[in-house]
Amino acid sequence: MVAESIGRNYNRLHALCCHGKHGYFDARSPEDIFQDTVVFVIQDAKAQNKSNNDFIEHFLFRFRMIEFQAQQDAKQLKSMPYANYKQTT
């Protein structure tokens, strides 16, 4: 049922999530995050039995959630020190 809702609204969801967005978070584009959101929402029990507008709002909420997590993961990887520039004692 959720996959059918995504299929019916795919073009609209894609336009809302990816149109005008650019940038990469640790080599993950908005397209990658969109596909991760599709997989997540298909498995999400809270996405079932929602009306069309409520489903779109739920999908956008999950997209923003996954996008924020991707940003935080990229930020954490940038702050991780690597030993190849440190001098040993």
PDB file of N, CA and C in Angstrom:
ATOM      1  N   MET A   1       0.825  -1.189   0.000  1.00  0.00           N
ATOM      2  CA  MET A   1       0.000   0.000   0.000  1.00  0.00           C
ATOM      3  C   MET A   1       0.876   1.262   0.000  1.00  0.00           C
ATOM      4  N   VAL A   2       1.932   1.252   0.817  1.00  0.00           N
ATOM      5  CA  VAL A   2       2.827   2.409   0.882  1.00  0.00           C
ATOM      6  C   VAL A   2       3.599   2.555  -0.427  1.00  0.00           C
ATOM      7  N   ALA A   3       4.033   1.438  -0.989  1.00  0.00           N
ATOM      8  CA  ALA A   3       4.758   1.494  -2.260  1.00  0.00           C
ATOM      9  C   ALA A   3       3.872   2.039  -3.375  1.00  0.00           C
ATOM     10  N   GLU A   4       2.592   1.703  -3.350  1.00  0.00           N
ATOM     11  CA  GLU A   4       1.663   2.250  -4.345  1.00  0.00           C
ATOM     12  C   GLU A   4       1.511   3.757  -4.163  1.00  0.00           C
ATOM     13  N   SER A   5       1.456   4.224  -2.921  1.00  0.00           N
ATOM     14  CA  SER A   5       1.361   5.665  -2.665  1.00  0.00           C
ATOM     15  C   SER A   5       2.607   6.390  -3.165  1.00  0.00           C
ATOM     16  N   ILE A   6       3.756   5.780  -2.975  1.00  0.00           N
ATOM     17  CA  ILE A   6       4.995   6.385  -3.482  1.00  0.00           C
ATOM     18  C   ILE A   6       4.972   6.406  -5.000  1.00  0.00           C
ATOM     19  N   GLY A   7       4.514   5.318  -5.607  1.00  0.00           N
ATOM     20  CA  GLY A   7       4.435   5.259  -7.066  1.00  0.00           C
ATOM     21  C   GLY A   7       3.500   6.304  -7.655  1.00  0.00           C
ATOM     22  N   ARG A   8       2.354   6.505  -7.009  1.00  0.00           N
ATOM     23  CA  ARG A   8       1.398   7.505  -7.492  1.00  0.00           C
ATOM     24  C   ARG A   8       1.954   8.915  -7.376  1.00  0.00           C
ATOM     25  N   ASN A   9       2.712   9.168  -6.321  1.00  0.00           N
ATOM     26  CA  ASN A   9       3.188  10.522  -6.033  1.00  0.00           C
ATOM     27  C   ASN A   9       4.679  10.700  -6.304  1.00  0.00           C
ATOM     28  N   TYR A  10       5.298   9.783  -7.024  1.00  0.00           N
ATOM     29  CA  TYR A  10       6.752   9.795  -7.188  1.00  0.00           C
ATOM     30  C   TYR A  10       7.257  11.111  -7.779  1.00  0.00           C
ATOM     31  N   ASN A  11       6.663  11.558  -8.856  1.00  0.00           N
ATOM     32  CA  ASN A  11       7.140  12.788  -9.504  1.00  0.00           C
ATOM     33  C   ASN A  11       7.009  13.996  -8.585  1.00  0.00           C
ATOM     34  N   ARG A  12       5.911  14.076  -7.877  1.00  0.00           N
ATOM     35  CA  ARG A  12       5.707  15.198  -6.954  1.00  0.00           C
ATOM     36  C   ARG A  12       6.696  15.125  -5.781  1.00  0.00           C
ATOM     37  N   LEU A  13       6.868  13.940  -5.206  1.00  0.00           N
ATOM     38  CA  LEU A  13       7.811  13.775  -4.099  1.00  0.00           C
ATOM     39  C   LEU A  13       9.237  14.092  -4.535  1.00  0.00           C
ATOM     40  N   HIS A  14       9.607  13.618  -5.707  1.00  0.00           N
ATOM     41  CA  HIS A  14      10.951  13.881  -6.227  1.00  0.00           C
ATOM     42  C   HIS A  14      11.169  15.373  -6.441  1.00  0.00           C
ATOM     43  N   ALA A  15      10.170  16.041  -6.976  1.00  0.00           N
ATOM     44  CA  ALA A  15      10.291  17.481  -7.201  1.00  0.00           C
ATOM     45  C   ALA A  15      10.387  18.240  -5.876  1.00  0.00           C
ATOM     46  N   LEU A  16       9.621  17.841  -4.884  1.00  0.00           N
ATOM     47  CA  LEU A  16       9.652  18.523  -3.594  1.00  0.00           C
ATOM     48  C   LEU A  16      10.967  18.287  -2.854  1.00  0.00           C
ATOM     49  N   CYS A  17      11.528  17.118  -3.004  1.00  0.00           N
ATOM     50  CA  CYS A  17      12.739  16.777  -2.250  1.00  0.00           C
ATOM     51  C   CYS A  17      14.033  17.177  -2.956  1.00  0.00           C
ATOM     52  N   CYS A  18      14.075  17.094  -4.255  1.00  0.00           N
ATOM     53  CA  CYS A  18      15.349  17.248  -4.966  1.00  0.00           C
ATOM     54  C   CYS A  18      15.450  18.505  -5.821  1.00  0.00           C
ATOM     55  N   HIS A  19      14.340  19.152  -6.133  1.00  0.00           N
ATOM     56  CA  HIS A  19      14.386  20.319  -7.014  1.00  0.00           C
ATOM     57  C   HIS A  19      15.068  21.492  -6.312  1.00  0.00           C
ATOM     58  N   GLY A  20      16.116  22.007  -6.921  1.00  0.00           N
ATOM     59  CA  GLY A  20      16.809  23.175  -6.395  1.00  0.00           C
ATOM     60  C   GLY A  20      17.822  22.860  -5.314  1.00  0.00           C
ATOM     61  N   LYS A  21      17.953  21.601  -4.937  1.00  0.00           N
ATOM     62  CA  LYS A  21      18.937  21.242  -3.918  1.00  0.00           C
ATOM     63  C   LYS A  21      20.209  20.782  -4.607  1.00  0.00           C
ATOM     64  N   HIS A  22      21.309  21.155  -4.038  1.00  0.00           N
ATOM     65  CA  HIS A  22      22.591  20.719  -4.557  1.00  0.00           C
ATOM     66  C   HIS A  22      23.547  20.553  -3.385  1.00  0.00           C
ATOM     67  N   GLY A  23      24.661  19.980  -3.654  1.00  0.00           N
ATOM     68  CA  GLY A  23      25.636  19.737  -2.603  1.00  0.00           C
ATOM     69  C   GLY A  23      25.692  18.262  -2.267  1.00  0.00           C
ATOM     70  N   TYR A  24      26.802  17.904  -1.699  1.00  0.00           N
ATOM     71  CA  TYR A  24      27.025  16.519  -1.340  1.00  0.00           C
ATOM     72  C   TYR A  24      27.396  16.444   0.129  1.00  0.00           C
ATOM     73  N   PHE A  25      26.898  15.428   0.791  1.00  0.00           N
ATOM     74  CA  PHE A  25      27.241  15.167   2.180  1.00  0.00           C
ATOM     75  C   PHE A  25      27.999  13.855   2.201  1.00  0.00           C
ATOM     76  N   ASP A  26      29.325  13.967   2.215  1.00  0.00           N
ATOM     77  CA  ASP A  26      30.184  12.780   2.201  1.00  0.00           C
ATOM     78  C   ASP A  26      29.831  11.894   1.002  1.00  0.00           C
ATOM     79  N   ALA A  27      29.799  12.497  -0.159  1.00  0.00           N
ATOM     80  CA  ALA A  27      29.540  11.843  -1.449  1.00  0.00           C
ATOM     81  C   ALA A  27      28.101  11.349  -1.590  1.00  0.00           C
ATOM     82  N   ARG A  28      27.171  11.877  -0.829  1.00  0.00           N
ATOM     83  CA  ARG A  28      25.754  11.531  -0.957  1.00  0.00           C
ATOM     84  C   ARG A  28      24.995  12.754  -1.448  1.00  0.00           C
ATOM     85  N   SER A  29      24.371  12.601  -2.592  1.00  0.00           N
ATOM     86  CA  SER A  29      23.620  13.700  -3.187  1.00  0.00           C
ATOM     87  C   SER A  29      22.171  13.664  -2.685  1.00  0.00           C
ATOM     88  N   PRO A  30      21.402  14.722  -2.971  1.00  0.00           N
ATOM     89  CA  PRO A  30      19.970  14.685  -2.621  1.00  0.00           C
ATOM     90  C   PRO A  30      19.230  13.509  -3.276  1.00  0.00           C
ATOM     91  N   GLU A  31      19.690  13.079  -4.446  1.00  0.00           N
ATOM     92  CA  GLU A  31      19.093  11.911  -5.106  1.00  0.00           C
ATOM     93  C   GLU A  31      19.309  10.653  -4.268  1.00  0.00           C
ATOM     94  N   ASP A  32      20.514  10.496  -3.720  1.00  0.00           N
ATOM     95  CA  ASP A  32      20.800   9.340  -2.871  1.00  0.00           C
ATOM     96  C   ASP A  32      19.947   9.357  -1.610  1.00  0.00           C
ATOM     97  N   ILE A  33      19.814  10.526  -1.021  1.00  0.00           N
ATOM     98  CA  ILE A  33      19.009  10.664   0.190  1.00  0.00           C
ATOM     99  C   ILE A  33      17.542  10.398  -0.121  1.00  0.00           C
ATOM    100  N   PHE A  34      17.084  10.829  -1.291  1.00  0.00           N
ATOM    101  CA  PHE A  34      15.706  10.564  -1.705  1.00  0.00           C
ATOM    102  C   PHE A  34      15.464   9.063  -1.816  1.00  0.00           C
ATOM    103  N   GLN A  35      16.394   8.343  -2.437  1.00  0.00           N
ATOM    104  CA  GLN A  35      16.232   6.896  -2.574  1.00  0.00           C
ATOM    105  C   GLN A  35      16.277   6.191  -1.217  1.00  0.00           C
ATOM    106  N   ASP A  36      17.129   6.668  -0.315  1.00  0.00           N
ATOM    107  CA  ASP A  36      17.146   6.116   1.039  1.00  0.00           C
ATOM    108  C   ASP A  36      15.807   6.348   1.737  1.00  0.00           C
ATOM    109  N   THR A  37      15.214   7.500   1.490  1.00  0.00           N
ATOM    110  CA  THR A  37      13.924   7.817   2.089  1.00  0.00           C
ATOM    111  C   THR A  37      12.833   6.912   1.540  1.00  0.00           C
ATOM    112  N   VAL A  38      12.869   6.629   0.255  1.00  0.00           N
ATOM    113  CA  VAL A  38      11.880   5.721  -0.348  1.00  0.00           C
ATOM    114  C   VAL A  38      11.952   4.364   0.335  1.00  0.00           C
ATOM    115  N   VAL A  39      13.152   3.835   0.501  1.00  0.00           N
ATOM    116  CA  VAL A  39      13.314   2.532   1.144  1.00  0.00           C
ATOM    117  C   VAL A  39      12.853   2.587   2.593  1.00  0.00           C
ATOM    118  N   PHE A  40      13.184   3.664   3.293  1.00  0.00           N
ATOM    119  CA  PHE A  40      12.792   3.802   4.697  1.00  0.00           C
ATOM    120  C   PHE A  40      11.281   3.892   4.853  1.00  0.00           C
ATOM    121  N   VAL A  41      10.647   4.699   4.029  1.00  0.00           N
ATOM    122  CA  VAL A  41       9.201   4.919   4.157  1.00  0.00           C
ATOM    123  C   VAL A  41       8.416   3.666   3.764  1.00  0.00           C
ATOM    124  N   ILE A  42       8.909   2.901   2.814  1.00  0.00           N
ATOM    125  CA  ILE A  42       8.225   1.653   2.450  1.00  0.00           C
ATOM    126  C   ILE A  42       8.159   0.714   3.645  1.00  0.00           C
ATOM    127  N   GLN A  43       9.189   0.735   4.482  1.00  0.00           N
ATOM    128  CA  GLN A  43       9.232  -0.143   5.652  1.00  0.00           C
ATOM    129  C   GLN A  43       8.622   0.496   6.901  1.00  0.00           C
ATOM    130  N   ASP A  44       8.258   1.765   6.821  1.00  0.00           N
ATOM    131  CA  ASP A  44       7.766   2.509   7.984  1.00  0.00           C
ATOM    132  C   ASP A  44       6.288   2.189   8.241  1.00  0.00           C
ATOM    133  N   ALA A  45       5.992   1.677   9.428  1.00  0.00           N
ATOM    134  CA  ALA A  45       4.608   1.335   9.772  1.00  0.00           C
ATOM    135  C   ALA A  45       3.739   2.577   9.929  1.00  0.00           C
ATOM    136  N   LYS A  46       4.345   3.706  10.271  1.00  0.00           N
ATOM    137  CA  LYS A  46       3.583   4.939  10.454  1.00  0.00           C
ATOM    138  C   LYS A  46       3.107   5.540   9.134  1.00  0.00           C
ATOM    139  N   ALA A  47       3.624   5.064   8.023  1.00  0.00           N
ATOM    140  CA  ALA A  47       3.244   5.600   6.719  1.00  0.00           C
ATOM    141  C   ALA A  47       1.986   4.944   6.166  1.00  0.00           C
ATOM    142  N   GLN A  48       1.510   3.907   6.793  1.00  0.00           N
ATOM    143  CA  GLN A  48       0.342   3.198   6.288  1.00  0.00           C
ATOM    144  C   GLN A  48      -0.940   3.926   6.665  1.00  0.00           C
ATOM    145  N   ASN A  49      -1.951   3.723   5.849  1.00  0.00           N
ATOM    146  CA  ASN A  49      -3.308   4.235   6.093  1.00  0.00           C
ATOM    147  C   ASN A  49      -3.352   5.750   6.258  1.00  0.00           C
ATOM    148  N   LYS A  50      -2.605   6.459   5.443  1.00  0.00           N
ATOM    149  CA  LYS A  50      -2.635   7.923   5.478  1.00  0.00           C
ATOM    150  C   LYS A  50      -3.280   8.427   4.194  1.00  0.00           C
ATOM    151  N   SER A  51      -3.916   9.573   4.303  1.00  0.00           N
ATOM    152  CA  SER A  51      -4.469  10.188   3.097  1.00  0.00           C
ATOM    153  C   SER A  51      -3.315  10.705   2.240  1.00  0.00           C
ATOM    154  N   ASN A  52      -3.612  11.114   1.038  1.00  0.00           N
ATOM    155  CA  ASN A  52      -2.572  11.519   0.087  1.00  0.00           C
ATOM    156  C   ASN A  52      -1.732  12.675   0.631  1.00  0.00           C
ATOM    157  N   ASN A  53      -2.370  13.725   1.123  1.00  0.00           N
ATOM    158  CA  ASN A  53      -1.624  14.882   1.634  1.00  0.00           C
ATOM    159  C   ASN A  53      -0.858  14.544   2.903  1.00  0.00           C
ATOM    160  N   ASP A  54      -1.451  13.748   3.780  1.00  0.00           N
ATOM    161  CA  ASP A  54      -0.752  13.335   4.995  1.00  0.00           C
ATOM    162  C   ASP A  54       0.455  12.459   4.664  1.00  0.00           C
ATOM    163  N   PHE A  55       0.303  11.617   3.656  1.00  0.00           N
ATOM    164  CA  PHE A  55       1.414  10.768   3.243  1.00  0.00           C
ATOM    165  C   PHE A  55       2.571  11.610   2.706  1.00  0.00           C
ATOM    166  N   ILE A  56       2.266  12.607   1.906  1.00  0.00           N
ATOM    167  CA  ILE A  56       3.314  13.471   1.362  1.00  0.00           C
ATOM    168  C   ILE A  56       4.026  14.214   2.488  1.00  0.00           C
ATOM    169  N   GLU A  57       3.276  14.716   3.444  1.00  0.00           N
ATOM    170  CA  GLU A  57       3.882  15.399   4.595  1.00  0.00           C
ATOM    171  C   GLU A  57       4.770  14.448   5.398  1.00  0.00           C
ATOM    172  N   HIS A  58       4.314  13.223   5.578  1.00  0.00           N
ATOM    173  CA  HIS A  58       5.107  12.224   6.302  1.00  0.00           C
ATOM    174  C   HIS A  58       6.397  11.915   5.537  1.00  0.00           C
ATOM    175  N   PHE A  59       6.293  11.763   4.228  1.00  0.00           N
ATOM    176  CA  PHE A  59       7.469  11.484   3.409  1.00  0.00           C
ATOM    177  C   PHE A  59       8.469  12.632   3.498  1.00  0.00           C
ATOM    178  N   LEU A  60       7.992  13.868   3.415  1.00  0.00           N
ATOM    179  CA  LEU A  60       8.888  15.020   3.505  1.00  0.00           C
ATOM    180  C   LEU A  60       9.548  15.102   4.880  1.00  0.00           C
ATOM    181  N   PHE A  61       8.812  14.767   5.931  1.00  0.00           N
ATOM    182  CA  PHE A  61       9.383  14.741   7.269  1.00  0.00           C
ATOM    183  C   PHE A  61      10.515  13.725   7.345  1.00  0.00           C
ATOM    184  N   ARG A  62      10.275  12.527   6.816  1.00  0.00           N
ATOM    185  CA  ARG A  62      11.314  11.486   6.824  1.00  0.00           C
ATOM    186  C   ARG A  62      12.505  11.885   5.951  1.00  0.00           C
ATOM    187  N   PHE A  63      12.246  12.556   4.833  1.00  0.00           N
ATOM    188  CA  PHE A  63      13.343  13.008   3.975  1.00  0.00           C
ATOM    189  C   PHE A  63      14.234  13.990   4.730  1.00  0.00           C
ATOM    190  N   ARG A  64      13.614  14.946   5.406  1.00  0.00           N
ATOM    191  CA  ARG A  64      14.397  15.915   6.178  1.00  0.00           C
ATOM    192  C   ARG A  64      15.164  15.239   7.311  1.00  0.00           C
ATOM    193  N   MET A  65      14.560  14.223   7.908  1.00  0.00           N
ATOM    194  CA  MET A  65      15.218  13.481   8.975  1.00  0.00           C
ATOM    195  C   MET A  65      16.470  12.765   8.445  1.00  0.00           C
ATOM    196  N   ILE A  66      16.351  12.084   7.325  1.00  0.00           N
ATOM    197  CA  ILE A  66      17.480  11.358   6.753  1.00  0.00           C
ATOM    198  C   ILE A  66      18.523  12.333   6.214  1.00  0.00           C
ATOM    199  N   GLU A  67      18.087  13.450   5.651  1.00  0.00           N
ATOM    200  CA  GLU A  67      19.027  14.472   5.169  1.00  0.00           C
ATOM    201  C   GLU A  67      19.832  15.053   6.333  1.00  0.00           C
ATOM    202  N   PHE A  68      19.180  15.331   7.451  1.00  0.00           N
ATOM    203  CA  PHE A  68      19.876  15.851   8.621  1.00  0.00           C
ATOM    204  C   PHE A  68      20.891  14.836   9.142  1.00  0.00           C
ATOM    205  N   GLN A  69      20.505  13.568   9.174  1.00  0.00           N
ATOM    206  CA  GLN A  69      21.432  12.541   9.634  1.00  0.00           C
ATOM    207  C   GLN A  69      22.626  12.424   8.699  1.00  0.00           C
ATOM    208  N   ALA A  70      22.420  12.553   7.411  1.00  0.00           N
ATOM    209  CA  ALA A  70      23.535  12.510   6.452  1.00  0.00           C
ATOM    210  C   ALA A  70      24.471  13.696   6.673  1.00  0.00           C
ATOM    211  N   GLN A  71      23.913  14.869   6.955  1.00  0.00           N
ATOM    212  CA  GLN A  71      24.743  16.037   7.242  1.00  0.00           C
ATOM    213  C   GLN A  71      25.573  15.828   8.501  1.00  0.00           C
ATOM    214  N   GLN A  72      24.957  15.277   9.538  1.00  0.00           N
ATOM    215  CA  GLN A  72      25.674  15.050  10.788  1.00  0.00           C
ATOM    216  C   GLN A  72      26.760  13.985  10.623  1.00  0.00           C
ATOM    217  N   ASP A  73      26.473  12.951   9.853  1.00  0.00           N
ATOM    218  CA  ASP A  73      27.481  11.921   9.598  1.00  0.00           C
ATOM    219  C   ASP A  73      28.665  12.488   8.834  1.00  0.00           C
ATOM    220  N   ALA A  74      28.405  13.335   7.833  1.00  0.00           N
ATOM    221  CA  ALA A  74      29.483  13.953   7.066  1.00  0.00           C
ATOM    222  C   ALA A  74      30.304  14.880   7.943  1.00  0.00           C
ATOM    223  N   LYS A  75      29.647  15.617   8.818  1.00  0.00           N
ATOM    224  CA  LYS A  75      30.355  16.515   9.724  1.00  0.00           C
ATOM    225  C   LYS A  75      31.244  15.733  10.686  1.00  0.00           C
ATOM    226  N   GLN A  76      30.749  14.614  11.171  1.00  0.00           N
ATOM    227  CA  GLN A  76      31.523  13.794  12.090  1.00  0.00           C
ATOM    228  C   GLN A  76      32.747  13.200  11.395  1.00  0.00           C
ATOM    229  N   LEU A  77      32.597  12.782  10.154  1.00  0.00           N
ATOM    230  CA  LEU A  77      33.737  12.222   9.437  1.00  0.00           C
ATOM    231  C   LEU A  77      34.810  13.269   9.169  1.00  0.00           C
ATOM    232  N   LYS A  78      34.396  14.512   8.967  1.00  0.00           N
ATOM    233  CA  LYS A  78      35.376  15.572   8.718  1.00  0.00           C
ATOM    234  C   LYS A  78      36.170  15.909   9.965  1.00  0.00           C
ATOM    235  N   SER A  79      35.596  15.725  11.141  1.00  0.00           N
ATOM    236  CA  SER A  79      36.288  16.080  12.367  1.00  0.00           C
ATOM    237  C   SER A  79      37.103  14.934  12.944  1.00  0.00           C
ATOM    238  N   MET A  80      37.085  13.768  12.303  1.00  0.00           N
ATOM    239  CA  MET A  80      37.807  12.614  12.790  1.00  0.00           C
ATOM    240  C   MET A  80      39.286  12.742  12.432  1.00  0.00           C
ATOM    241  N   PRO A  81      40.179  12.715  13.418  1.00  0.00           N
ATOM    242  CA  PRO A  81      41.609  12.847  13.110  1.00  0.00           C
ATOM    243  C   PRO A  81      42.181  11.543  12.553  1.00  0.00           C
ATOM    244  N   TYR A  82      43.071  11.690  11.621  1.00  0.00           N
ATOM    245  CA  TYR A  82      43.762  10.550  11.050  1.00  0.00           C
ATOM    246  C   TYR A  82      45.234  10.649  11.426  1.00  0.00           C
ATOM    247  N   ALA A  83      45.867   9.526  11.613  1.00  0.00           N
ATOM    248  CA  ALA A  83      47.233   9.477  12.134  1.00  0.00           C
ATOM    249  C   ALA A  83      48.280   9.756  11.070  1.00  0.00           C
ATOM    250  N   ASN A  84      47.946   9.849   9.829  1.00  0.00           N
ATOM    251  CA  ASN A  84      48.967   9.980   8.803  1.00  0.00           C
ATOM    252  C   ASN A  84      49.602  11.385   8.765  1.00  0.00           C
ATOM    253  N   TYR A  85      49.066  12.344   9.494  1.00  0.00           N
ATOM    254  CA  TYR A  85      49.691  13.659   9.531  1.00  0.00           C
ATOM    255  C   TYR A  85      50.331  13.940  10.891  1.00  0.00           C
ATOM    256  N   LYS A  86      50.167  13.051  11.845  1.00  0.00           N
ATOM    257  CA  LYS A  86      50.743  13.248  13.167  1.00  0.00           C
ATOM    258  C   LYS A  86      52.139  12.628  13.244  1.00  0.00           C
ATOM    259  N   GLN A  87      52.995  13.270  13.976  1.00  0.00           N
ATOM    260  CA  GLN A  87      54.349  12.754  14.143  1.00  0.00           C
ATOM    261  C   GLN A  87      54.406  11.942  15.423  1.00  0.00           C
ATOM    262  N   THR A  88      55.031  10.815  15.331  1.00  0.00           N
ATOM    263  CA  THR A  88      55.149   9.965  16.508  1.00  0.00           C
ATOM    264  C   THR A  88      56.259  10.461  17.409  1.00  0.00           C
ATOM    265  N   THR A  89      56.180  10.143  18.663  1.00  0.00           N
ATOM    266  CA  THR A  89      57.209  10.580  19.609  1.00  0.00           C
ATOM    267  C   THR A  89      58.352   9.589  19.701  1.00  0.00           C
TER     268      THR A  89
END
